[in-house]
C-alpha atoms as a PDB file:
ATOM      1  CA  VAL A   1      -0.024  -0.026  -0.041  1.00  0.00           C
ATOM      2  CA  GLY A   2       1.323   3.502  -0.975  1.00  0.00           C
ATOM      3  CA  TYR A   3      -0.156   6.972  -1.241  1.00  0.00           C
ATOM      4  CA  ASP A   4       0.186   8.802  -4.553  1.00  0.00           C
ATOM      5  CA  ASN A   5       0.469  12.517  -3.769  1.00  0.00           C
ATOM      6  CA  LEU A   6      -0.284  13.506  -7.354  1.00  0.00           C
ATOM      7  CA  LYS A   7      -3.522  11.413  -7.583  1.00  0.00           C
ATOM      8  CA  GLY A   8      -4.382  11.984  -3.896  1.00  0.00           C
ATOM      9  CA  LYS A   9      -5.209   8.294  -3.545  1.00  0.00           C
ATOM     10  CA  TYR A  10      -3.812   5.093  -2.071  1.00  0.00           C
ATOM     11  CA  GLU A  11      -2.600   2.479  -4.532  1.00  0.00           C
ATOM     12  CA  THR A  12      -2.261  -1.159  -3.712  1.00  0.00           C
ATOM     13  CA  LEU A  13      -0.331  -4.160  -5.186  1.00  0.00           C
ATOM     14  CA  TRP A  14      -0.672  -7.766  -4.051  1.00  0.00           C
ATOM     15  CA  VAL A  15       1.790 -10.403  -4.999  1.00  0.00           C
ATOM     16  CA  ASP A  16       1.819 -14.060  -3.883  1.00  0.00           C
ATOM     17  CA  ASN A  17       3.231 -17.454  -4.965  1.00  0.00           C
ATOM     18  CA  MET A  18      -0.331 -18.847  -5.682  1.00  0.00           C
ATOM     19  CA  ALA A  19      -0.859 -16.857  -8.889  1.00  0.00           C
ATOM     20  CA  THR A  20       1.083 -15.588 -11.967  1.00  0.00           C
ATOM     21  CA  GLY A  21      -0.246 -12.086 -12.003  1.00  0.00           C
ATOM     22  CA  PHE A  22      -0.530  -9.056  -9.698  1.00  0.00           C
ATOM     23  CA  MET A  23      -3.575  -7.602  -7.959  1.00  0.00           C
ATOM     24  CA  GLN A  24      -3.685  -3.935  -8.557  1.00  0.00           C
ATOM     25  CA  GLY A  25      -6.156  -1.499  -6.882  1.00  0.00           C
ATOM     26  CA  THR A  26      -6.963   1.887  -5.562  1.00  0.00           C
ATOM     27  CA  ALA A  27      -7.980   2.487  -2.013  1.00  0.00           C
ATOM     28  CA  ALA A  28      -9.550   5.126   0.081  1.00  0.00           C
ATOM     29  CA  TYR A  29      -9.084   5.600   3.907  1.00  0.00           C
ATOM     30  CA  ASP A  30     -12.170   6.324   6.106  1.00  0.00           C
ATOM     31  CA  SER A  31     -10.898   7.929   9.286  1.00  0.00           C
ATOM     32  CA  ALA A  32     -14.304   7.467  11.023  1.00  0.00           C
ATOM     33  CA  THR A  33     -14.201   3.648  10.796  1.00  0.00           C
ATOM     34  CA  GLN A  34     -10.395   3.466  10.619  1.00  0.00           C
ATOM     35  CA  THR A  35     -10.715   1.313   7.460  1.00  0.00           C
ATOM     36  CA  LEU A  36      -8.758   1.253   4.242  1.00  0.00           C
ATOM     37  CA  THR A  37     -11.069  -0.101   1.481  1.00  0.00           C
ATOM     38  CA  ASP A  38      -9.424  -1.129  -1.685  1.00  0.00           C
ATOM     39  CA  SER A  39     -10.896  -2.393  -5.133  1.00  0.00           C
ATOM     40  CA  GLY A  40      -9.333  -3.603  -8.240  1.00  0.00           C
ATOM     41  CA  SER A  41      -8.686  -6.685 -10.587  1.00  0.00           C
ATOM     42  CA  PHE A  42      -6.425  -9.460 -11.116  1.00  0.00           C
ATOM     43  CA  SER A  43      -5.578 -12.197 -13.775  1.00  0.00           C
ATOM     44  CA  CYS A  44      -7.647 -15.313 -13.153  1.00  0.00           C
ATOM     45  CA  PRO A  45      -7.099 -18.300 -15.617  1.00  0.00           C
ATOM     46  CA  MET A  46     -10.394 -19.867 -14.298  1.00  0.00           C
ATOM     47  CA  SER A  47     -12.513 -16.906 -15.096  1.00  0.00           C
ATOM     48  CA  PRO A  48     -14.170 -16.762 -18.584  1.00  0.00           C
ATOM     49  CA  THR A  49     -12.920 -13.181 -19.016  1.00  0.00           C
ATOM     50  CA  LYS A  50      -9.494 -14.069 -17.460  1.00  0.00           C
ATOM     51  CA  THR A  51      -9.899 -11.216 -15.134  1.00  0.00           C
ATOM     52  CA  MET A  52     -11.607 -11.038 -11.882  1.00  0.00           C
ATOM     53  CA  ASN A  53     -12.510  -8.103  -9.672  1.00  0.00           C
ATOM     54  CA  TYR A  54     -11.951  -7.969  -5.847  1.00  0.00           C
ATOM     55  CA  HIS A  55     -12.175  -5.558  -2.929  1.00  0.00           C
ATOM     56  CA  THR A  56     -10.490  -5.541   0.371  1.00  0.00           C
ATOM     57  CA  GLU A  57     -11.162  -4.016   3.786  1.00  0.00           C
ATOM     58  CA  TRP A  58      -8.291  -3.311   6.270  1.00  0.00           C
ATOM     59  CA  LYS A  59      -9.709  -2.319   9.603  1.00  0.00           C
ATOM     60  CA  MET A  60      -7.288  -0.781  12.107  1.00  0.00           C
ATOM     61  CA  THR A  61      -8.960  -1.744  15.380  1.00  0.00           C
ATOM     62  CA  ASP A  62      -6.281  -0.102  17.543  1.00  0.00           C
ATOM     63  CA  ALA A  63      -2.615   0.474  17.637  1.00  0.00           C
ATOM     64  CA  ASN A  64      -1.846  -3.211  18.165  1.00  0.00           C
ATOM     65  CA  ASN A  65      -4.601  -4.955  16.157  1.00  0.00           C
ATOM     66  CA  SER A  66      -5.972  -4.927  12.594  1.00  0.00           C
ATOM     67  CA  THR A  67      -8.063  -7.265  10.340  1.00  0.00           C
ATOM     68  CA  PHE A  68      -7.630  -7.573   6.564  1.00  0.00           C
ATOM     69  CA  SER A  69     -10.426  -9.164   4.664  1.00  0.00           C
ATOM     70  CA  MET A  70     -10.541  -9.956   0.858  1.00  0.00           C
ATOM     71  CA  PHE A  71     -13.649 -10.532  -1.218  1.00  0.00           C
ATOM     72  CA  THR A  72     -14.230 -11.836  -4.712  1.00  0.00           C
ATOM     73  CA  PRO A  73     -17.199 -13.078  -6.730  1.00  0.00           C
ATOM     74  CA  GLY A  74     -17.970 -16.796  -6.361  1.00  0.00           C
ATOM     75  CA  ALA A  75     -19.184 -19.175  -9.135  1.00  0.00           C
ATOM     76  CA  ASP A  76     -22.635 -17.848  -8.599  1.00  0.00           C
ATOM     77  CA  GLY A  77     -21.526 -14.262  -9.085  1.00  0.00           C
ATOM     78  CA  LYS A  78     -22.192 -13.296  -5.462  1.00  0.00           C
ATOM     79  CA  GLU A  79     -19.389 -11.760  -3.526  1.00  0.00           C
ATOM     80  CA  PHE A  80     -17.962 -13.784  -0.653  1.00  0.00           C
ATOM     81  CA  LYS A  81     -14.982 -13.415   1.728  1.00  0.00           C
ATOM     82  CA  MET A  82     -12.299 -15.504   0.454  1.00  0.00           C
ATOM     83  CA  MET A  83      -9.614 -14.612   3.093  1.00  0.00           C
ATOM     84  CA  GLU A  84      -9.217 -12.956   6.483  1.00  0.00           C
ATOM     85  CA  LEU A  85      -5.942 -12.181   8.195  1.00  0.00           C
ATOM     86  CA  VAL A  86      -5.916 -11.014  11.794  1.00  0.00           C
ATOM     87  CA  TYR A  87      -2.847  -9.052  12.905  1.00  0.00           C
ATOM     88  CA  LYS A  88      -1.719  -8.572  16.478  1.00  0.00           C
ATOM     89  CA  ARG A  89       1.387  -6.741  17.542  1.00  0.00           C
ATOM     90  CA  ILE A  90       3.695  -8.840  19.755  1.00  0.00           C
ATOM     91  CA  LYS A  91       5.312  -6.777  22.563  1.00  0.00           C
END
């Protein structure tokens, strides 16, 4: 996650070893809910269009805890939570 000063937006890039492409998106931070919400697309060889959309929500619970959730459309076209990561700072 990085902030582009010229665009005035957060930009995101997700890379992992389970896919051959990158997930690229644009995010906005809501200070009232302390949540960074991101949306974009990625290459998906199983999709008929070879591209799939996604969105994420990164909730900053407090200075020591946060939760990252990722959502994509399922086979029925309805969005579902495909992943959730819970972060806790170790002191």
